C-alpha atoms as a PDB file:
ATOM      1  CA  MET A   1     -26.154 -58.068  36.430  1.00  0.00           C
ATOM      2  CA  LYS A   2     -25.198 -58.696  32.804  1.00  0.00           C
ATOM      3  CA  LYS A   3     -28.635 -57.526  31.709  1.00  0.00           C
ATOM      4  CA  THR A   4     -28.305 -54.290  33.697  1.00  0.00           C
ATOM      5  CA  LEU A   5     -24.826 -53.658  32.289  1.00  0.00           C
ATOM      6  CA  PHE A   6     -26.096 -54.281  28.740  1.00  0.00           C
ATOM      7  CA  ILE A   7     -28.972 -51.837  29.272  1.00  0.00           C
ATOM      8  CA  LEU A   8     -26.617 -49.160  30.629  1.00  0.00           C
ATOM      9  CA  ILE A   9     -24.217 -49.570  27.720  1.00  0.00           C
ATOM     10  CA  SER A  10     -27.127 -49.438  25.243  1.00  0.00           C
ATOM     11  CA  LEU A  11     -28.490 -46.259  26.826  1.00  0.00           C
ATOM     12  CA  LEU A  12     -25.051 -44.694  26.755  1.00  0.00           C
ATOM     13  CA  ALA A  13     -24.591 -45.579  23.068  1.00  0.00           C
ATOM     14  CA  ILE A  14     -27.997 -44.169  22.178  1.00  0.00           C
ATOM     15  CA  SER A  15     -27.411 -40.956  24.093  1.00  0.00           C
ATOM     16  CA  CYS A  16     -24.063 -40.435  22.340  1.00  0.00           C
ATOM     17  CA  SER A  17     -25.397 -40.860  18.826  1.00  0.00           C
ATOM     18  CA  ASN A  18     -25.262 -37.757  16.693  1.00  0.00           C
ATOM     19  CA  ASP A  19     -28.731 -37.427  15.224  1.00  0.00           C
ATOM     20  CA  ASP A  20     -28.709 -33.638  15.441  1.00  0.00           C
ATOM     21  CA  ASP A  21     -29.145 -32.414  11.870  1.00  0.00           C
ATOM     22  CA  SER A  22     -29.017 -28.720  12.768  1.00  0.00           C
ATOM     23  CA  PRO A  23     -26.309 -26.672  11.041  1.00  0.00           C
ATOM     24  CA  LYS A  24     -23.053 -26.231  12.932  1.00  0.00           C
ATOM     25  CA  THR A  25     -22.188 -22.804  11.502  1.00  0.00           C
ATOM     26  CA  ASP A  26     -24.043 -19.844  12.977  1.00  0.00           C
ATOM     27  CA  LYS A  27     -26.277 -18.081  10.440  1.00  0.00           C
ATOM     28  CA  THR A  28     -24.574 -14.751  11.167  1.00  0.00           C
ATOM     29  CA  SER A  29     -21.003 -16.028  10.816  1.00  0.00           C
ATOM     30  CA  ILE A  30     -18.843 -13.545   8.927  1.00  0.00           C
ATOM     31  CA  SER A  31     -17.216 -16.413   7.026  1.00  0.00           C
ATOM     32  CA  LEU A  32     -20.425 -18.131   5.860  1.00  0.00           C
ATOM     33  CA  VAL A  33     -21.809 -17.949   2.326  1.00  0.00           C
ATOM     34  CA  THR A  34     -25.224 -19.578   1.897  1.00  0.00           C
ATOM     35  CA  GLY A  35     -25.729 -18.541  -1.701  1.00  0.00           C
ATOM     36  CA  VAL A  36     -24.573 -16.206  -4.412  1.00  0.00           C
ATOM     37  CA  THR A  37     -26.059 -14.214  -7.279  1.00  0.00           C
ATOM     38  CA  PHE A  38     -24.159 -14.646 -10.525  1.00  0.00           C
ATOM     39  CA  ARG A  39     -24.416 -11.725 -12.959  1.00  0.00           C
ATOM     40  CA  ASP A  40     -22.415 -10.407 -15.884  1.00  0.00           C
ATOM     41  CA  THR A  41     -23.381  -6.722 -15.778  1.00  0.00           C
ATOM     42  CA  ALA A  42     -24.824  -4.212 -13.329  1.00  0.00           C
ATOM     43  CA  ASP A  43     -28.257  -4.333 -14.948  1.00  0.00           C
ATOM     44  CA  ASP A  44     -28.329  -8.121 -15.206  1.00  0.00           C
ATOM     45  CA  THR A  45     -30.977  -9.527 -12.821  1.00  0.00           C
ATOM     46  CA  GLY A  46     -28.640 -12.431 -12.244  1.00  0.00           C
ATOM     47  CA  LEU A  47     -28.886 -16.107 -11.450  1.00  0.00           C
ATOM     48  CA  GLN A  48     -29.483 -16.711  -7.746  1.00  0.00           C
ATOM     49  CA  LEU A  49     -27.870 -19.872  -6.440  1.00  0.00           C
ATOM     50  CA  GLY A  50     -28.755 -20.957  -2.932  1.00  0.00           C
ATOM     51  CA  ASN A  51     -30.135 -18.433  -0.446  1.00  0.00           C
ATOM     52  CA  PRO A  52     -27.598 -15.579  -0.339  1.00  0.00           C
ATOM     53  CA  ASN A  53     -26.915 -14.206   3.128  1.00  0.00           C
ATOM     54  CA  SER A  54     -26.145 -10.765   1.774  1.00  0.00           C
ATOM     55  CA  LEU A  55     -27.137  -7.279   2.811  1.00  0.00           C
ATOM     56  CA  ALA A  56     -26.926  -5.284  -0.386  1.00  0.00           C
ATOM     57  CA  ASN A  57     -30.389  -3.787   0.265  1.00  0.00           C
ATOM     58  CA  GLN A  58     -30.517  -2.670  -3.350  1.00  0.00           C
ATOM     59  CA  ARG A  59     -27.815  -0.140  -2.418  1.00  0.00           C
ATOM     60  CA  PHE A  60     -25.154  -1.694  -4.638  1.00  0.00           C
ATOM     61  CA  VAL A  61     -24.533  -4.354  -7.257  1.00  0.00           C
ATOM     62  CA  LEU A  62     -21.408  -6.479  -7.498  1.00  0.00           C
ATOM     63  CA  TYR A  63     -20.463  -7.640 -11.013  1.00  0.00           C
ATOM     64  CA  PRO A  64     -19.305  -9.686 -12.776  1.00  0.00           C
ATOM     65  CA  ASN A  65     -19.918 -12.541 -10.434  1.00  0.00           C
ATOM     66  CA  PRO A  66     -18.138 -14.897 -10.675  1.00  0.00           C
ATOM     67  CA  ALA A  67     -15.089 -12.693 -11.028  1.00  0.00           C
ATOM     68  CA  ASN A  68     -11.555 -13.302 -12.172  1.00  0.00           C
ATOM     69  CA  GLU A  69      -9.234 -10.333 -12.696  1.00  0.00           C
ATOM     70  CA  PHE A  70     -11.616  -7.508 -11.822  1.00  0.00           C
ATOM     71  CA  THR A  71     -14.988  -6.930 -10.244  1.00  0.00           C
ATOM     72  CA  TYR A  72     -17.002  -3.736 -10.180  1.00  0.00           C
ATOM     73  CA  ILE A  73     -19.415  -2.148  -7.775  1.00  0.00           C
ATOM     74  CA  LEU A  74     -22.271   0.081  -8.820  1.00  0.00           C
ATOM     75  CA  ALA A  75     -23.615   1.861  -5.726  1.00  0.00           C
ATOM     76  CA  GLU A  76     -26.257   4.483  -5.017  1.00  0.00           C
ATOM     77  CA  GLN A  77     -23.743   6.591  -3.090  1.00  0.00           C
ATOM     78  CA  ASN A  78     -19.969   6.905  -3.121  1.00  0.00           C
ATOM     79  CA  VAL A  79     -18.101   3.893  -1.798  1.00  0.00           C
ATOM     80  CA  THR A  80     -15.296   4.792   0.602  1.00  0.00           C
ATOM     81  CA  ASP A  81     -14.048   1.341   1.661  1.00  0.00           C
ATOM     82  CA  VAL A  82     -14.174  -2.216   0.336  1.00  0.00           C
ATOM     83  CA  TRP A  83     -13.106  -5.418   2.095  1.00  0.00           C
ATOM     84  CA  PHE A  84     -12.960  -8.975   0.774  1.00  0.00           C
ATOM     85  CA  VAL A  85     -13.395 -11.544   3.555  1.00  0.00           C
ATOM     86  CA  SER A  86     -12.645 -15.151   2.681  1.00  0.00           C
ATOM     87  CA  ALA A  87     -15.690 -17.340   3.288  1.00  0.00           C
ATOM     88  CA  LYS A  88     -16.862 -20.927   3.110  1.00  0.00           C
ATOM     89  CA  ALA A  89     -19.871 -21.929   1.053  1.00  0.00           C
ATOM     90  CA  GLU A  90     -22.304 -24.139   2.943  1.00  0.00           C
ATOM     91  CA  LYS A  91     -25.665 -25.245   1.651  1.00  0.00           C
ATOM     92  CA  ILE A  92     -27.430 -24.519   4.930  1.00  0.00           C
ATOM     93  CA  TYR A  93     -30.223 -22.129   5.938  1.00  0.00           C
ATOM     94  CA  GLN A  94     -31.712 -22.452   2.455  1.00  0.00           C
ATOM     95  CA  ASP A  95     -35.230 -21.690   3.705  1.00  0.00           C
ATOM     96  CA  PHE A  96     -34.228 -19.038   6.233  1.00  0.00           C
ATOM     97  CA  ASN A  97     -35.289 -15.394   5.874  1.00  0.00           C
ATOM     98  CA  PHE A  98     -31.994 -13.566   6.427  1.00  0.00           C
ATOM     99  CA  SER A  99     -33.691 -10.177   6.587  1.00  0.00           C
ATOM    100  CA  THR A 100     -34.687 -11.098  10.152  1.00  0.00           C
ATOM    101  CA  VAL A 101     -31.073 -11.221  11.400  1.00  0.00           C
ATOM    102  CA  LEU A 102     -28.875  -9.271   8.986  1.00  0.00           C
ATOM    103  CA  ASN A 103     -28.340  -5.564   9.552  1.00  0.00           C
ATOM    104  CA  SER A 104     -25.607  -3.023   8.880  1.00  0.00           C
ATOM    105  CA  ASN A 105     -24.412  -3.166  12.500  1.00  0.00           C
ATOM    106  CA  LEU A 106     -23.965  -6.963  12.580  1.00  0.00           C
ATOM    107  CA  TYR A 107     -20.198  -6.872  12.020  1.00  0.00           C
ATOM    108  CA  SER A 108     -17.938  -4.178  13.384  1.00  0.00           C
ATOM    109  CA  GLU A 109     -15.663  -2.427  10.927  1.00  0.00           C
ATOM    110  CA  GLN A 110     -12.678  -3.560  13.004  1.00  0.00           C
ATOM    111  CA  THR A 111     -13.757  -7.232  12.740  1.00  0.00           C
ATOM    112  CA  ILE A 112     -14.159  -6.902   8.979  1.00  0.00           C
ATOM    113  CA  ILE A 113     -10.740  -5.268   8.640  1.00  0.00           C
ATOM    114  CA  LEU A 114      -9.065  -7.985  10.724  1.00  0.00           C
ATOM    115  CA  ARG A 115     -10.676 -10.774   8.652  1.00  0.00           C
ATOM    116  CA  SER A 116     -10.146  -9.226   5.218  1.00  0.00           C
ATOM    117  CA  ALA A 117      -7.980 -10.831   2.563  1.00  0.00           C
ATOM    118  CA  LEU A 118      -8.011  -7.601   0.549  1.00  0.00           C
ATOM    119  CA  SER A 119      -8.825  -4.054   1.685  1.00  0.00           C
ATOM    120  CA  LEU A 120      -9.272  -0.864  -0.270  1.00  0.00           C
ATOM    121  CA  SER A 121      -9.793   2.439   1.506  1.00  0.00           C
ATOM    122  CA  GLY A 122      -9.890   6.113   0.654  1.00  0.00           C
ATOM    123  CA  LEU A 123     -12.192   5.563  -2.312  1.00  0.00           C
ATOM    124  CA  SER A 124     -14.684   8.181  -3.399  1.00  0.00           C
ATOM    125  CA  THR A 125     -16.684   6.792  -6.291  1.00  0.00           C
ATOM    126  CA  SER A 126     -19.992   5.056  -6.799  1.00  0.00           C
ATOM    127  CA  ASN A 127     -18.510   2.682  -9.396  1.00  0.00           C
ATOM    128  CA  PRO A 128     -15.104   1.392  -8.264  1.00  0.00           C
ATOM    129  CA  ARG A 129     -13.118  -1.103 -10.332  1.00  0.00           C
ATOM    130  CA  LEU A 130     -11.527  -3.648  -8.010  1.00  0.00           C
ATOM    131  CA  ASN A 131      -8.517  -5.761  -8.921  1.00  0.00           C
ATOM    132  CA  THR A 132      -9.250  -9.277  -7.619  1.00  0.00           C
ATOM    133  CA  SER A 133      -6.370 -11.022  -9.400  1.00  0.00           C
ATOM    134  CA  THR A 134      -4.413 -11.546  -6.159  1.00  0.00           C
ATOM    135  CA  LEU A 135      -7.280 -13.333  -4.402  1.00  0.00           C
ATOM    136  CA  ALA A 136      -7.321 -17.118  -4.233  1.00  0.00           C
ATOM    137  CA  GLU A 137     -10.144 -18.983  -5.924  1.00  0.00           C
ATOM    138  CA  GLY A 138     -13.158 -19.333  -3.667  1.00  0.00           C
ATOM    139  CA  TYR A 139     -16.015 -17.515  -2.006  1.00  0.00           C
ATOM    140  CA  TYR A 140     -15.796 -14.078  -0.430  1.00  0.00           C
ATOM    141  CA  LYS A 141     -18.067 -11.724   1.401  1.00  0.00           C
ATOM    142  CA  VAL A 142     -17.469  -8.337  -0.163  1.00  0.00           C
ATOM    143  CA  PHE A 143     -18.162  -5.567   2.332  1.00  0.00           C
ATOM    144  CA  ILE A 144     -18.561  -1.984   1.230  1.00  0.00           C
ATOM    145  CA  LYS A 145     -18.926   1.207   3.188  1.00  0.00           C
ATOM    146  CA  SER A 146     -21.237   3.596   1.398  1.00  0.00           C
ATOM    147  CA  GLY A 147     -22.827   6.652   2.953  1.00  0.00           C
ATOM    148  CA  GLY A 148     -21.183   5.633   6.240  1.00  0.00           C
ATOM    149  CA  VAL A 149     -23.132   2.327   6.284  1.00  0.00           C
ATOM    150  CA  ILE A 150     -21.696  -1.170   5.775  1.00  0.00           C
ATOM    151  CA  TYR A 151     -23.354  -3.509   3.262  1.00  0.00           C
ATOM    152  CA  TRP A 152     -22.180  -6.791   1.760  1.00  0.00           C
ATOM    153  CA  ASP A 153     -22.729  -9.317  -0.968  1.00  0.00           C
ATOM    154  CA  ASN A 154     -21.246 -12.713  -1.767  1.00  0.00           C
ATOM    155  CA  LEU A 155     -18.740 -13.240  -4.572  1.00  0.00           C
ATOM    156  CA  TYR A 156     -17.187 -16.272  -6.200  1.00  0.00           C
ATOM    157  CA  LYS A 157     -13.635 -15.659  -7.455  1.00  0.00           C
ATOM    158  CA  TYR A 158     -12.374 -18.134 -10.022  1.00  0.00           C
ATOM    159  CA  ASP A 159      -8.911 -18.918 -11.292  1.00  0.00           C
ATOM    160  CA  SER A 160      -8.402 -18.759 -15.070  1.00  0.00           C
ATOM    161  CA  GLU A 161      -6.631 -22.123 -15.087  1.00  0.00           C
ATOM    162  CA  ASN A 162      -9.617 -23.923 -13.559  1.00  0.00           C
ATOM    163  CA  HIS A 163     -12.377 -21.995 -15.265  1.00  0.00           C
ATOM    164  CA  ASP A 164     -14.351 -24.003 -17.758  1.00  0.00           C
ATOM    165  CA  GLU A 165     -17.937 -25.102 -18.270  1.00  0.00           C
ATOM    166  CA  ALA A 166     -17.506 -28.237 -16.147  1.00  0.00           C
ATOM    167  CA  HIS A 167     -16.181 -26.164 -13.234  1.00  0.00           C
ATOM    168  CA  MET A 168     -19.077 -23.697 -13.431  1.00  0.00           C
ATOM    169  CA  ASN A 169     -21.579 -26.558 -13.679  1.00  0.00           C
ATOM    170  CA  ALA A 170     -20.070 -28.123 -10.558  1.00  0.00           C
ATOM    171  CA  ILE A 171     -20.563 -24.840  -8.688  1.00  0.00           C
ATOM    172  CA  LYS A 172     -24.159 -24.508  -9.898  1.00  0.00           C
ATOM    173  CA  ASN A 173     -24.863 -28.146  -9.005  1.00  0.00           C
ATOM    174  CA  PHE A 174     -23.547 -27.588  -5.485  1.00  0.00           C
ATOM    175  CA  TRP A 175     -26.338 -25.056  -4.887  1.00  0.00           C
ATOM    176  CA  LYS A 176     -29.155 -27.188  -6.381  1.00  0.00           C
END
């Protein structure tokens, strides 16, 4: 009897172990950032860190990234709306091809609006200047509506007080 009880307890312990290494966050989560492209100017090719889950489709460029007081968008067509959605950086899906799941209809405009930390609407320019000074330090998905289609890219917003070479190196090292 003791042997049977020991076997049952052992089987139960083994079956309860968490050896599942699969990511817990869904790859299409609106609040997930899997990488970011740092660039200083619109024509800067940038430094890609991680595997960005963005859908810019070469339709727009977000710069500078990282941003502090202001960030700019350079788009092919006029931008009418911009939303900043707070996100969490996770080093997951680094070998995944996001073009297989990301599309402009993935998130509804209403969902984006409800999740946004900062919204700008009624724009009509292909190069808006966006004041990001009120945003907390961290990662954001920046959604734009251009030509009636929604695109997005990932942004890191830093705080002037914490911005130094060691801080930027820590961010870069996170994505290595």
